[in-house]
Amino acid sequence: MGRGNGDGKLSKNAVETVRCTNSARKNSTNAEPLDKPKSSKCKAVSKSLDYRNTLCEECRKGDGEDKMLLCDKCDKGYHMYCLCPVVVKVPTGKWICTQCSKHDKVKVKEFPLVQTKIIDFFHIQKPGLVASSNDFQKPKKRGSKLVVTKKRRRLLPFVPTQDLDRRLKQMASLATALTSARVQFSDELTYMCGMAPRSSNRAALEKGGMQVMSKEDKAALDICKTMTSRGECPPLLVVYDSKEGFTVEADSNIKDLTIITEYTGDVDYLCKRENDDGDCMMTLLMTGHRSKNLVICPDKRGNIARFINGINNHTP
């Protein structure tokens, strides 16, 4: 048992022992009682610091020990389901609560508002062009029919900001977020060696069948891809929030059913990524066979889609 040093403080060995027990508890969803440590390194625990009586700082309850996270800085407890946003998986390694993270400001290096650097970063082909109104034409009406059919709502291509300086700021905000997250920009699905091959992503494998886009919607999607390759991005800004990290805000009004972007990144098998810490994976293909299901992992390559979430879409 670790002993005090006579002045009311714990000795160095006792402090290290408590920290070891704290980490062991945080990194296991099936945490065992402190009097039954998992390893020999955590046998001695100071009686003055008993984490079994830790209360959640949000709900002030001490139940749900297997879902309780302890901050590596202040040692306060938080239920995973009481945090905002909710933590769905026990983090590996160190974890810092939101109160402590406020004092540790994340240093985000702003991407320079230089057109040439932005062109190189996003591999823009023809910068500075503005989408022509002729790019997206509504299909011509045919002769009247006796049978009246219900009008289907079509997808719309995004309308890029006309102000070039403003558009550069929008792209720079995305470049800042990608650079900070150490993610390489990619506007396509990528198939890397050691991951799922391109041949594994086939629509015929989708359980229950795959929804097919209409010709009009496909045309709108192609226009969005063309505009993006020319440096005409959707009117979005990527901003940093102390609680949620990087999030996306609309920089102007966007109509309903407007195509913003496609989800891109590395394609891999779901069974290989089930224990990953990634918080931005997206389902790509569900085949009905566990070993053949695919996910998109934008942790190394991706676009603005990895920063989009639906938490604050309906709040001021």
Protein backbone atom coordinates (compact mmCIF):
# COMPACT_ATOMS: atom_id res chain seq x y z
CA MET A 1 0.00 0.00 0.00
CA GLY A 2 1.33 3.45 -0.91
CA ARG A 3 2.04 5.68 2.08
CA GLY A 4 1.97 9.43 2.56
CA ASN A 5 5.14 11.43 3.01
CA GLY A 6 4.10 13.05 6.30
CA ASP A 7 2.81 16.40 4.97
CA GLY A 8 -0.60 15.19 3.80
CA LYS A 9 0.58 14.47 0.25
CA LEU A 10 0.92 11.14 -1.47
CA SER A 11 4.32 9.76 -2.23
CA LYS A 12 5.45 9.48 -5.83
CA ASN A 13 4.84 5.72 -5.90
CA ALA A 14 1.31 6.10 -4.55
CA VAL A 15 0.42 8.76 -7.12
CA GLU A 16 1.70 6.62 -9.97
CA THR A 17 -0.27 3.65 -8.65
CA VAL A 18 -3.52 5.63 -8.52
CA ARG A 19 -2.98 6.93 -12.04
CA CYS A 20 -2.38 3.39 -13.28
CA THR A 21 -5.64 2.22 -11.74
CA ASN A 22 -7.45 5.25 -13.18
CA SER A 23 -6.22 4.47 -16.70
CA ALA A 24 -7.04 0.79 -16.36
CA ARG A 25 -10.59 1.68 -15.44
CA LYS A 26 -11.08 4.12 -18.30
CA ASN A 27 -9.79 1.82 -20.99
CA SER A 28 -12.02 -1.12 -20.16
CA THR A 29 -15.77 -1.23 -20.69
CA ASN A 30 -15.91 -4.15 -18.25
CA ALA A 31 -14.00 -2.47 -15.43
CA GLU A 32 -13.33 -4.67 -12.40
CA PRO A 33 -13.45 -3.43 -8.77
CA LEU A 34 -10.37 -1.61 -7.63
CA ASP A 35 -9.58 -4.28 -5.02
CA LYS A 36 -9.13 -6.76 -7.90
CA PRO A 37 -6.69 -5.05 -10.28
CA LYS A 38 -5.90 -6.64 -13.65
CA SER A 39 -2.13 -6.29 -13.55
CA SER A 40 0.53 -6.57 -10.88
CA LYS A 41 1.54 -2.96 -11.50
CA CYS A 42 -1.77 -1.73 -10.05
CA LYS A 43 -1.88 -3.77 -6.82
CA ALA A 44 -1.41 -0.87 -4.39
CA VAL A 45 -4.12 1.79 -4.26
CA SER A 46 -4.21 4.76 -1.93
CA LYS A 47 -7.29 4.70 0.34
CA SER A 48 -7.48 8.50 0.20
CA LEU A 49 -8.44 8.41 -3.50
CA ASP A 50 -11.22 5.85 -4.08
CA TYR A 51 -12.63 6.07 -7.61
CA ARG A 52 -15.50 3.73 -6.79
CA ASN A 53 -17.36 6.70 -5.29
CA THR A 54 -16.84 8.96 -8.31
CA LEU A 55 -19.96 10.82 -9.47
CA CYS A 56 -20.70 11.98 -12.99
CA GLU A 57 -20.22 15.75 -13.24
CA GLU A 58 -23.28 16.04 -15.49
CA CYS A 59 -25.98 13.90 -13.82
CA ARG A 60 -24.34 13.67 -10.36
CA LYS A 61 -24.95 9.91 -10.22
CA GLY A 62 -22.40 7.19 -9.52
CA ASP A 63 -24.09 4.33 -11.36
CA GLY A 64 -22.96 2.91 -14.69
CA GLU A 65 -19.31 2.48 -13.72
CA ASP A 66 -18.60 0.63 -16.99
CA LYS A 67 -19.66 3.78 -18.88
CA MET A 68 -17.78 6.25 -16.67
CA LEU A 69 -14.79 8.11 -18.14
CA LEU A 70 -12.22 9.72 -15.86
CA CYS A 71 -10.38 12.81 -17.06
CA ASP A 72 -6.61 12.37 -17.18
CA LYS A 73 -6.15 15.95 -15.94
CA CYS A 74 -8.74 16.63 -13.23
CA ASP A 75 -9.76 13.01 -12.42
CA LYS A 76 -13.45 13.97 -12.57
CA GLY A 77 -15.92 11.43 -13.91
CA TYR A 78 -18.34 11.67 -16.81
CA HIS A 79 -20.80 9.11 -18.15
CA MET A 80 -20.24 8.47 -21.85
CA TYR A 81 -23.97 9.02 -22.49
CA CYS A 82 -23.99 12.30 -20.52
CA LEU A 83 -21.33 13.97 -22.66
CA CYS A 84 -22.13 16.29 -25.56
CA PRO A 85 -21.64 14.92 -28.11
CA VAL A 86 -22.27 11.45 -26.71
CA VAL A 87 -19.21 9.16 -26.66
CA VAL A 88 -20.27 5.81 -28.11
CA LYS A 89 -16.97 3.99 -27.56
CA VAL A 90 -14.42 4.02 -24.74
CA PRO A 91 -11.46 6.10 -26.00
CA THR A 92 -8.08 4.44 -26.17
CA GLY A 93 -5.20 6.18 -24.44
CA LYS A 94 -5.64 9.45 -22.60
CA TRP A 95 -8.98 11.30 -22.42
CA ILE A 96 -9.47 14.96 -21.45
CA CYS A 97 -12.87 16.34 -20.41
CA THR A 98 -14.37 19.39 -22.09
CA GLN A 99 -13.68 21.64 -19.07
CA CYS A 100 -9.95 20.86 -19.18
CA SER A 101 -9.81 21.02 -22.96
CA LYS A 102 -11.12 24.60 -22.82
CA HIS A 103 -7.91 25.63 -21.10
CA ASP A 104 -5.85 23.75 -23.66
CA LYS A 105 -6.72 25.68 -26.79
CA VAL A 106 -6.21 23.66 -29.94
CA LYS A 107 -3.70 25.39 -32.15
CA VAL A 108 -5.28 25.44 -35.59
CA LYS A 109 -2.99 26.90 -38.20
CA GLU A 110 -5.04 28.89 -40.69
CA PHE A 111 -4.47 27.95 -44.31
CA PRO A 112 -3.18 30.98 -46.26
CA LEU A 113 -5.68 32.80 -48.48
CA VAL A 114 -3.44 32.45 -51.52
CA GLN A 115 -5.14 31.35 -54.72
CA THR A 116 -2.18 29.41 -56.07
CA LYS A 117 -1.77 27.41 -52.84
CA ILE A 118 -5.49 26.61 -52.74
CA ILE A 119 -5.40 25.54 -56.40
CA ASP A 120 -2.54 23.15 -55.64
CA PHE A 121 -4.18 21.82 -52.45
CA PHE A 122 -7.47 20.91 -54.15
CA HIS A 123 -5.96 20.01 -57.56
CA ILE A 124 -8.21 22.52 -59.29
CA GLN A 125 -8.18 22.27 -63.09
CA LYS A 126 -9.65 25.59 -64.23
CA PRO A 127 -9.90 28.05 -61.33
CA GLY A 128 -12.05 31.15 -61.25
CA LEU A 129 -14.80 29.96 -63.55
CA VAL A 130 -18.45 30.39 -62.65
CA ALA A 131 -21.06 27.77 -63.38
CA SER A 132 -23.09 28.63 -66.42
CA SER A 133 -26.85 28.65 -66.23
CA ASN A 134 -26.82 26.37 -69.28
CA ASP A 135 -25.01 23.67 -67.29
CA PHE A 136 -28.23 22.51 -65.74
CA GLN A 137 -31.27 22.71 -67.93
CA LYS A 138 -34.68 21.38 -67.06
CA PRO A 139 -35.95 18.71 -69.43
CA LYS A 140 -38.26 20.01 -72.12
CA LYS A 141 -41.95 19.44 -71.57
CA ARG A 142 -43.53 16.98 -73.89
CA GLY A 143 -47.00 17.09 -75.24
CA SER A 144 -49.87 16.90 -72.80
CA LYS A 145 -50.95 13.48 -71.65
CA LEU A 146 -54.32 12.20 -70.61
CA VAL A 147 -52.84 10.52 -67.54
CA VAL A 148 -51.59 12.91 -64.87
CA THR A 149 -48.56 11.62 -62.98
CA LYS A 150 -47.29 12.84 -59.62
CA LYS A 151 -44.38 15.25 -59.99
CA ARG A 152 -41.18 13.89 -58.43
CA ARG A 153 -38.82 16.25 -56.62
CA ARG A 154 -35.43 16.33 -58.30
CA LEU A 155 -32.02 16.88 -56.76
CA LEU A 156 -30.43 20.27 -57.40
CA PRO A 157 -26.75 21.11 -57.98
CA PHE A 158 -25.27 23.53 -55.47
CA VAL A 159 -24.90 27.20 -56.41
CA PRO A 160 -21.32 28.40 -55.81
CA THR A 161 -20.57 31.82 -54.32
CA GLN A 162 -19.98 34.40 -57.04
CA ASP A 163 -17.48 36.40 -54.97
CA LEU A 164 -14.08 34.81 -55.66
CA ASP A 165 -12.54 36.15 -52.42
CA ARG A 166 -15.37 34.65 -50.40
CA ARG A 167 -15.00 31.37 -52.24
CA LEU A 168 -11.28 31.32 -51.44
CA LYS A 169 -12.14 31.77 -47.76
CA GLN A 170 -14.55 28.83 -47.94
CA MET A 171 -11.92 26.58 -49.51
CA ALA A 172 -9.26 27.81 -47.09
CA SER A 173 -11.49 26.84 -44.14
CA LEU A 174 -11.72 23.29 -45.50
CA ALA A 175 -7.99 23.19 -46.20
CA THR A 176 -7.34 24.31 -42.61
CA ALA A 177 -9.51 21.52 -41.19
CA LEU A 178 -8.04 18.83 -43.44
CA THR A 179 -4.49 19.93 -42.68
CA SER A 180 -5.16 19.99 -38.92
CA ALA A 181 -6.69 16.50 -39.11
CA ARG A 182 -3.76 15.34 -41.28
CA VAL A 183 -6.12 14.29 -44.05
CA GLN A 184 -5.25 14.50 -47.73
CA PHE A 185 -7.96 15.99 -49.93
CA SER A 186 -9.70 13.47 -52.17
CA ASP A 187 -13.03 13.89 -53.95
CA GLU A 188 -13.28 10.22 -54.98
CA LEU A 189 -13.43 6.85 -53.28
CA THR A 190 -9.91 5.44 -52.95
CA TYR A 191 -8.85 1.80 -52.92
CA MET A 192 -5.53 1.34 -51.17
CA CYS A 193 -3.28 -1.71 -51.02
CA GLY A 194 -4.15 -3.89 -48.03
CA MET A 195 -7.74 -2.64 -47.89
CA ALA A 196 -10.85 -3.61 -49.83
CA PRO A 197 -10.22 -3.81 -53.60
CA ARG A 198 -12.33 -1.92 -56.14
CA SER A 199 -13.92 -5.19 -57.27
CA SER A 200 -15.53 -5.61 -53.82
CA ASN A 201 -17.69 -2.49 -54.33
CA ARG A 202 -20.42 -3.75 -56.65
CA ALA A 203 -24.03 -2.61 -56.55
CA ALA A 204 -25.20 -6.14 -57.27
CA LEU A 205 -23.91 -7.22 -53.83
CA GLU A 206 -26.17 -4.80 -51.90
CA LYS A 207 -28.69 -6.71 -49.81
CA GLY A 208 -32.20 -5.89 -51.01
CA GLY A 209 -30.94 -4.10 -54.11
CA MET A 210 -29.45 -0.68 -54.78
CA GLN A 211 -31.45 2.48 -55.41
CA VAL A 212 -30.77 3.81 -58.91
CA MET A 213 -30.52 7.55 -59.59
CA SER A 214 -32.68 9.05 -62.30
CA LYS A 215 -31.08 10.64 -65.36
CA GLU A 216 -31.91 14.11 -64.06
CA ASP A 217 -30.36 13.48 -60.64
CA LYS A 218 -27.30 11.88 -62.24
CA ALA A 219 -26.92 14.97 -64.45
CA ALA A 220 -27.10 17.24 -61.37
CA LEU A 221 -24.43 15.14 -59.63
CA ASP A 222 -22.14 15.31 -62.66
CA ILE A 223 -22.50 19.10 -62.71
CA CYS A 224 -21.47 19.27 -59.05
CA LYS A 225 -18.38 17.19 -59.79
CA THR A 226 -17.48 19.41 -62.74
CA MET A 227 -17.90 22.58 -60.68
CA THR A 228 -15.78 21.18 -57.86
CA SER A 229 -12.97 20.31 -60.27
CA ARG A 230 -13.05 23.93 -61.49
CA GLY A 231 -12.80 25.33 -57.95
CA GLU A 232 -16.48 26.21 -57.62
CA CYS A 233 -17.19 24.82 -54.18
CA PRO A 234 -20.53 24.69 -52.32
CA PRO A 235 -21.21 27.73 -50.06
CA LEU A 236 -19.94 26.13 -46.84
CA LEU A 237 -17.50 27.10 -44.10
CA VAL A 238 -15.63 24.67 -41.84
CA VAL A 239 -15.32 26.16 -38.36
CA TYR A 240 -13.74 24.89 -35.13
CA ASP A 241 -15.86 24.31 -32.02
CA SER A 242 -14.25 23.64 -28.62
CA LYS A 243 -16.68 20.79 -27.87
CA GLU A 244 -17.40 19.23 -31.25
CA GLY A 245 -14.17 19.95 -33.10
CA PHE A 246 -14.50 20.92 -36.76
CA THR A 247 -18.07 21.41 -37.97
CA VAL A 248 -19.66 22.76 -41.15
CA GLU A 249 -21.85 25.85 -41.47
CA ALA A 250 -23.79 27.13 -44.46
CA ASP A 251 -22.27 30.36 -45.77
CA SER A 252 -25.45 31.32 -47.62
CA ASN A 253 -28.98 30.03 -48.15
CA ILE A 254 -29.10 26.53 -49.65
CA LYS A 255 -32.30 25.14 -51.16
CA ASP A 256 -33.81 21.87 -50.06
CA LEU A 257 -32.62 18.72 -51.91
CA THR A 258 -29.40 20.43 -52.98
CA ILE A 259 -26.42 18.15 -53.57
CA ILE A 260 -23.58 19.31 -51.34
CA THR A 261 -20.94 16.64 -51.77
CA GLU A 262 -20.31 12.92 -51.99
CA TYR A 263 -18.81 11.03 -49.05
CA THR A 264 -15.27 10.07 -50.00
CA GLY A 265 -12.30 8.31 -48.44
CA ASP A 266 -10.56 4.96 -48.30
CA VAL A 267 -12.80 1.91 -48.81
CA ASP A 268 -12.26 -0.96 -46.39
CA TYR A 269 -14.06 -3.98 -45.01
CA LEU A 270 -16.29 -3.26 -42.01
CA CYS A 271 -15.00 -6.32 -40.12
CA LYS A 272 -11.49 -4.83 -40.18
CA ARG A 273 -12.66 -1.46 -38.84
CA GLU A 274 -15.04 -2.48 -36.06
CA ASN A 275 -12.55 -1.61 -33.32
CA ASP A 276 -11.22 1.59 -34.89
CA ASP A 277 -11.38 4.91 -33.05
CA GLY A 278 -12.51 6.72 -36.21
CA ASP A 279 -15.52 8.99 -35.62
CA CYS A 280 -16.36 9.66 -39.27
CA MET A 281 -16.80 6.28 -40.96
CA MET A 282 -19.75 5.85 -43.31
CA THR A 283 -21.46 2.66 -44.45
CA LEU A 284 -20.94 2.02 -48.16
CA LEU A 285 -22.18 -1.50 -48.89
CA MET A 286 -24.24 -3.94 -46.81
CA THR A 287 -24.21 -7.34 -48.47
CA GLY A 288 -25.72 -9.54 -45.81
CA HIS A 289 -22.35 -11.23 -45.36
CA ARG A 290 -20.31 -9.83 -42.48
CA SER A 291 -16.97 -10.34 -44.23
CA LYS A 292 -18.06 -8.43 -47.37
CA ASN A 293 -19.64 -5.30 -45.88
CA LEU A 294 -17.82 -2.08 -46.80
CA VAL A 295 -17.29 1.27 -45.08
CA ILE A 296 -15.72 4.59 -46.15
CA CYS A 297 -12.87 5.68 -43.88
CA PRO A 298 -11.85 9.34 -44.42
CA ASP A 299 -9.17 9.36 -41.73
CA LYS A 300 -6.33 9.66 -44.28
CA ARG A 301 -8.09 10.83 -47.45
CA GLY A 302 -11.40 12.65 -47.66
CA ASN A 303 -13.34 15.84 -48.36
CA ILE A 304 -15.70 18.20 -46.55
CA ALA A 305 -18.21 15.38 -45.91
CA ARG A 306 -16.15 14.05 -42.97
CA PHE A 307 -16.83 17.28 -41.03
CA ILE A 308 -20.59 17.46 -41.67
CA ASN A 309 -22.90 16.42 -38.84
CA GLY A 310 -26.56 16.93 -38.04
CA ILE A 311 -26.29 18.13 -34.44
CA ASN A 312 -26.89 21.84 -34.99
CA ASN A 313 -28.73 21.87 -38.30
CA HIS A 314 -31.88 23.30 -36.71
CA THR A 315 -30.46 25.66 -34.11
CA PRO A 316 -29.58 29.36 -34.53
